């Protein structure tokens, strides 16, 4: 066995080890990417749910704030009216 043959065997073994490691790391990378995609899909659906909830709350919130404004206005008006009757 010559030095060239020994060097070829060592190089082949080293390349085989790196190939096996690359395959294993690629498998782990694919698993991580799938998990990240799952998390991203869940986050997207959560954001969509929150967005629709906020949209429905704002559509209900505008009439509610108008109603609150008018009830406060009426209560102030009735307080002013009742104070006016008491002073007469």
N, C-alpha and C. Protein backbone atom coordinates (compact mmCIF):
# COMPACT_ATOMS: atom_id res chain seq x y z
N UNK A 1 0.85 -1.16 0.00
CA UNK A 1 0.00 0.00 0.00
C UNK A 1 0.91 1.23 0.00
N UNK A 2 0.69 2.09 -0.94
CA UNK A 2 1.53 3.27 -1.06
C UNK A 2 0.92 4.42 -0.28
N UNK A 3 1.67 5.46 -0.19
CA UNK A 3 1.20 6.66 0.51
C UNK A 3 0.00 7.28 -0.18
N UNK A 4 -0.02 7.16 -1.52
CA UNK A 4 -1.13 7.70 -2.28
C UNK A 4 -2.42 6.94 -1.95
N UNK A 5 -2.34 5.63 -1.82
CA UNK A 5 -3.51 4.83 -1.48
C UNK A 5 -4.01 5.16 -0.07
N UNK A 6 -3.09 5.31 0.86
CA UNK A 6 -3.44 5.67 2.23
C UNK A 6 -4.11 7.03 2.29
N UNK A 7 -3.58 7.99 1.56
CA UNK A 7 -4.16 9.32 1.51
C UNK A 7 -5.55 9.28 0.88
N UNK A 8 -5.75 8.48 -0.13
CA UNK A 8 -7.06 8.35 -0.78
C UNK A 8 -8.08 7.74 0.17
N UNK A 9 -7.65 6.75 0.98
CA UNK A 9 -8.56 6.12 1.95
C UNK A 9 -8.95 7.12 3.03
N UNK A 10 -8.01 7.86 3.56
CA UNK A 10 -8.28 8.86 4.60
C UNK A 10 -9.21 9.93 4.05
N UNK A 11 -8.96 10.38 2.87
CA UNK A 11 -9.80 11.41 2.24
C UNK A 11 -11.21 10.88 1.99
N UNK A 12 -11.33 9.64 1.56
CA UNK A 12 -12.64 9.04 1.31
C UNK A 12 -13.45 8.92 2.60
N UNK A 13 -12.78 8.49 3.67
CA UNK A 13 -13.45 8.37 4.97
C UNK A 13 -13.91 9.73 5.47
N UNK A 14 -13.03 10.73 5.33
CA UNK A 14 -13.37 12.08 5.77
C UNK A 14 -14.55 12.62 4.98
N UNK A 15 -14.55 12.44 3.69
CA UNK A 15 -15.66 12.90 2.86
C UNK A 15 -16.95 12.16 3.20
N UNK A 16 -16.86 10.86 3.49
CA UNK A 16 -18.05 10.09 3.87
C UNK A 16 -18.63 10.60 5.18
N UNK A 17 -17.74 10.91 6.13
CA UNK A 17 -18.21 11.45 7.42
C UNK A 17 -18.90 12.80 7.21
N UNK A 18 -18.30 13.67 6.41
CA UNK A 18 -18.91 14.97 6.15
C UNK A 18 -20.23 14.82 5.39
N UNK A 19 -20.32 13.85 4.49
CA UNK A 19 -21.55 13.62 3.76
C UNK A 19 -22.66 13.17 4.70
N UNK A 20 -22.34 12.26 5.61
CA UNK A 20 -23.33 11.78 6.59
C UNK A 20 -23.77 12.93 7.50
N UNK A 21 -22.80 13.74 7.94
CA UNK A 21 -23.15 14.89 8.78
C UNK A 21 -24.03 15.89 8.02
N UNK A 22 -23.73 16.11 6.75
CA UNK A 22 -24.53 17.03 5.94
C UNK A 22 -25.95 16.52 5.76
N UNK A 23 -26.12 15.23 5.58
CA UNK A 23 -27.46 14.65 5.44
C UNK A 23 -28.24 14.80 6.75
N UNK A 24 -27.58 14.50 7.87
CA UNK A 24 -28.24 14.63 9.17
C UNK A 24 -28.62 16.08 9.44
N UNK A 25 -27.73 17.02 9.17
CA UNK A 25 -28.03 18.43 9.40
C UNK A 25 -29.13 18.93 8.47
N UNK A 26 -29.17 18.43 7.26
CA UNK A 26 -30.24 18.80 6.33
C UNK A 26 -31.59 18.30 6.82
N UNK A 27 -31.63 17.11 7.36
CA UNK A 27 -32.88 16.57 7.92
C UNK A 27 -33.34 17.43 9.08
N UNK A 28 -32.43 17.80 9.98
CA UNK A 28 -32.80 18.66 11.09
C UNK A 28 -33.25 20.04 10.61
N UNK A 29 -32.62 20.55 9.60
CA UNK A 29 -33.00 21.85 9.05
C UNK A 29 -34.40 21.81 8.45
N UNK A 30 -34.72 20.72 7.76
CA UNK A 30 -36.06 20.57 7.20
C UNK A 30 -37.10 20.52 8.31
N UNK A 31 -36.80 19.79 9.39
CA UNK A 31 -37.73 19.72 10.53
C UNK A 31 -37.93 21.09 11.16
N UNK A 32 -36.85 21.84 11.31
CA UNK A 32 -36.94 23.18 11.91
C UNK A 32 -37.76 24.11 11.02
N UNK A 33 -37.55 24.03 9.72
CA UNK A 33 -38.30 24.88 8.78
C UNK A 33 -39.79 24.54 8.85
N UNK A 34 -40.13 23.28 8.94
CA UNK A 34 -41.54 22.89 9.06
C UNK A 34 -42.15 23.42 10.35
N UNK A 35 -41.40 23.34 11.45
CA UNK A 35 -41.91 23.87 12.72
C UNK A 35 -42.09 25.37 12.65
N UNK A 36 -41.16 26.06 12.01
CA UNK A 36 -41.27 27.51 11.86
C UNK A 36 -42.48 27.86 11.01
N UNK A 37 -42.73 27.09 9.95
CA UNK A 37 -43.90 27.33 9.12
C UNK A 37 -45.18 27.12 9.91
N UNK A 38 -45.22 26.11 10.76
CA UNK A 38 -46.39 25.87 11.60
C UNK A 38 -46.62 27.04 12.55
N UNK A 39 -45.56 27.50 13.17
CA UNK A 39 -45.67 28.63 14.10
C UNK A 39 -46.11 29.88 13.35
N UNK A 40 -45.56 30.09 12.17
CA UNK A 40 -45.94 31.27 11.38
C UNK A 40 -47.41 31.20 10.97
N UNK A 41 -47.89 30.03 10.60
CA UNK A 41 -49.30 29.88 10.23
C UNK A 41 -50.21 30.14 11.42
N UNK A 42 -49.82 29.64 12.59
CA UNK A 42 -50.60 29.88 13.80
C UNK A 42 -50.59 31.36 14.17
N UNK A 43 -49.44 32.00 14.03
CA UNK A 43 -49.35 33.43 14.32
C UNK A 43 -50.19 34.23 13.34
N UNK A 44 -50.18 33.84 12.09
CA UNK A 44 -50.97 34.55 11.08
C UNK A 44 -52.46 34.40 11.37
N UNK A 45 -52.89 33.21 11.74
CA UNK A 45 -54.31 33.02 12.05
C UNK A 45 -54.70 33.79 13.31
N UNK A 46 -53.78 33.86 14.27
CA UNK A 46 -54.05 34.64 15.48
C UNK A 46 -54.16 36.12 15.16
N UNK A 47 -53.28 36.62 14.31
CA UNK A 47 -53.33 38.03 13.91
C UNK A 47 -54.62 38.31 13.16
N UNK A 48 -55.04 37.41 12.28
CA UNK A 48 -56.29 37.60 11.56
C UNK A 48 -57.48 37.62 12.51
N UNK A 49 -57.45 36.74 13.51
CA UNK A 49 -58.53 36.71 14.50
C UNK A 49 -58.57 38.00 15.30
N UNK A 50 -57.42 38.48 15.73
CA UNK A 50 -57.36 39.74 16.49
C UNK A 50 -57.81 40.90 15.62
N UNK A 51 -57.39 40.89 14.36
CA UNK A 51 -57.77 41.96 13.45
C UNK A 51 -59.29 42.00 13.27
N UNK A 52 -59.90 40.84 13.08
CA UNK A 52 -61.36 40.81 12.90
C UNK A 52 -62.07 41.19 14.19
N UNK A 53 -61.51 40.82 15.35
CA UNK A 53 -62.10 41.20 16.62
C UNK A 53 -62.04 42.70 16.82
N UNK A 54 -60.90 43.29 16.51
CA UNK A 54 -60.75 44.74 16.65
C UNK A 54 -61.67 45.46 15.68
N UNK A 55 -61.80 44.93 14.48
CA UNK A 55 -62.68 45.55 13.49
C UNK A 55 -64.13 45.51 13.97
N UNK A 56 -64.55 44.39 14.53
CA UNK A 56 -65.93 44.31 15.02
C UNK A 56 -66.12 45.19 16.25
N UNK A 57 -65.09 45.29 17.08
CA UNK A 57 -65.20 46.17 18.25
C UNK A 57 -65.26 47.63 17.85
N UNK A 58 -64.49 48.02 16.85
CA UNK A 58 -64.54 49.41 16.42
C UNK A 58 -65.87 49.72 15.74
N UNK A 59 -66.44 48.76 15.02
CA UNK A 59 -67.74 49.03 14.40
C UNK A 59 -68.83 49.13 15.46
N UNK A 60 -68.68 48.41 16.56
CA UNK A 60 -69.63 48.52 17.67
C UNK A 60 -69.27 49.70 18.56
N UNK A 61 -68.00 50.01 18.62
CA UNK A 61 -67.52 51.07 19.52
C UNK A 61 -67.98 52.45 19.12
N UNK A 62 -68.12 52.72 17.83
CA UNK A 62 -68.53 54.04 17.39
C UNK A 62 -69.96 54.34 17.83
N UNK A 63 -70.93 53.46 17.60
CA UNK A 63 -72.28 53.74 18.12
C UNK A 63 -72.31 53.78 19.64
N UNK A 64 -71.48 52.95 20.28
CA UNK A 64 -71.47 52.95 21.74
C UNK A 64 -70.94 54.29 22.27
N UNK A 65 -69.89 54.82 21.63
CA UNK A 65 -69.36 56.09 22.09
C UNK A 65 -70.34 57.22 21.81
N UNK A 66 -71.05 57.15 20.68
CA UNK A 66 -72.08 58.15 20.40
C UNK A 66 -73.20 58.05 21.42
N UNK A 67 -73.60 56.83 21.75
CA UNK A 67 -74.65 56.63 22.76
C UNK A 67 -74.19 57.16 24.11
N UNK A 68 -72.94 56.88 24.47
CA UNK A 68 -72.40 57.37 25.73
C UNK A 68 -72.37 58.90 25.75
N UNK A 69 -72.00 59.50 24.63
CA UNK A 69 -71.96 60.96 24.53
C UNK A 69 -73.35 61.55 24.75
N UNK A 70 -74.35 60.97 24.10
CA UNK A 70 -75.71 61.50 24.23
C UNK A 70 -76.27 61.26 25.63
N UNK A 71 -75.96 60.12 26.25
CA UNK A 71 -76.45 59.88 27.61
C UNK A 71 -75.79 60.84 28.59
N UNK A 72 -74.50 61.12 28.41
CA UNK A 72 -73.84 62.09 29.28
C UNK A 72 -74.41 63.48 29.05
N UNK A 73 -74.67 63.81 27.81
CA UNK A 73 -75.26 65.10 27.49
C UNK A 73 -76.65 65.23 28.12
N UNK A 74 -77.44 64.17 28.01
CA UNK A 74 -78.78 64.21 28.61
C UNK A 74 -78.71 64.26 30.13
N UNK A 75 -77.77 63.55 30.72
CA UNK A 75 -77.67 63.57 32.18
C UNK A 75 -77.23 64.95 32.66
N UNK A 76 -76.31 65.60 31.95
CA UNK A 76 -75.91 66.96 32.30
C UNK A 76 -77.07 67.93 32.13
N UNK A 77 -77.82 67.75 31.06
CA UNK A 77 -78.97 68.60 30.80
C UNK A 77 -80.02 68.43 31.89
N UNK A 78 -80.24 67.17 32.29
CA UNK A 78 -81.23 66.94 33.35
C UNK A 78 -80.73 67.47 34.69
N UNK A 79 -79.42 67.40 34.95
CA UNK A 79 -78.86 67.97 36.18
C UNK A 79 -79.01 69.49 36.18
N UNK A 80 -78.75 70.10 35.03
CA UNK A 80 -78.91 71.55 34.92
C UNK A 80 -80.38 71.94 35.08
N UNK A 81 -81.26 71.13 34.52
CA UNK A 81 -82.70 71.41 34.62
C UNK A 81 -83.19 71.24 36.06
N UNK A 82 -82.70 70.21 36.74
CA UNK A 82 -83.13 69.99 38.13
C UNK A 82 -82.55 71.05 39.04
N UNK A 83 -81.34 71.54 38.79
CA UNK A 83 -80.77 72.63 39.58
C UNK A 83 -81.53 73.93 39.34
N UNK A 84 -81.96 74.12 38.11
CA UNK A 84 -82.72 75.32 37.78
C UNK A 84 -84.05 75.35 38.48
N UNK A 85 -84.74 74.23 38.63
CA UNK A 85 -86.03 74.14 39.32
C UNK A 85 -85.85 74.34 40.81
N UNK A 86 -84.73 73.85 41.37
CA UNK A 86 -84.51 73.97 42.80
C UNK A 86 -84.25 75.41 43.19
N UNK A 87 -83.59 76.14 42.32
CA UNK A 87 -83.24 77.52 42.67
C UNK A 87 -84.43 78.44 42.51
N UNK A 88 -85.50 78.08 41.78
CA UNK A 88 -86.67 78.94 41.57
C UNK A 88 -87.60 78.88 42.69
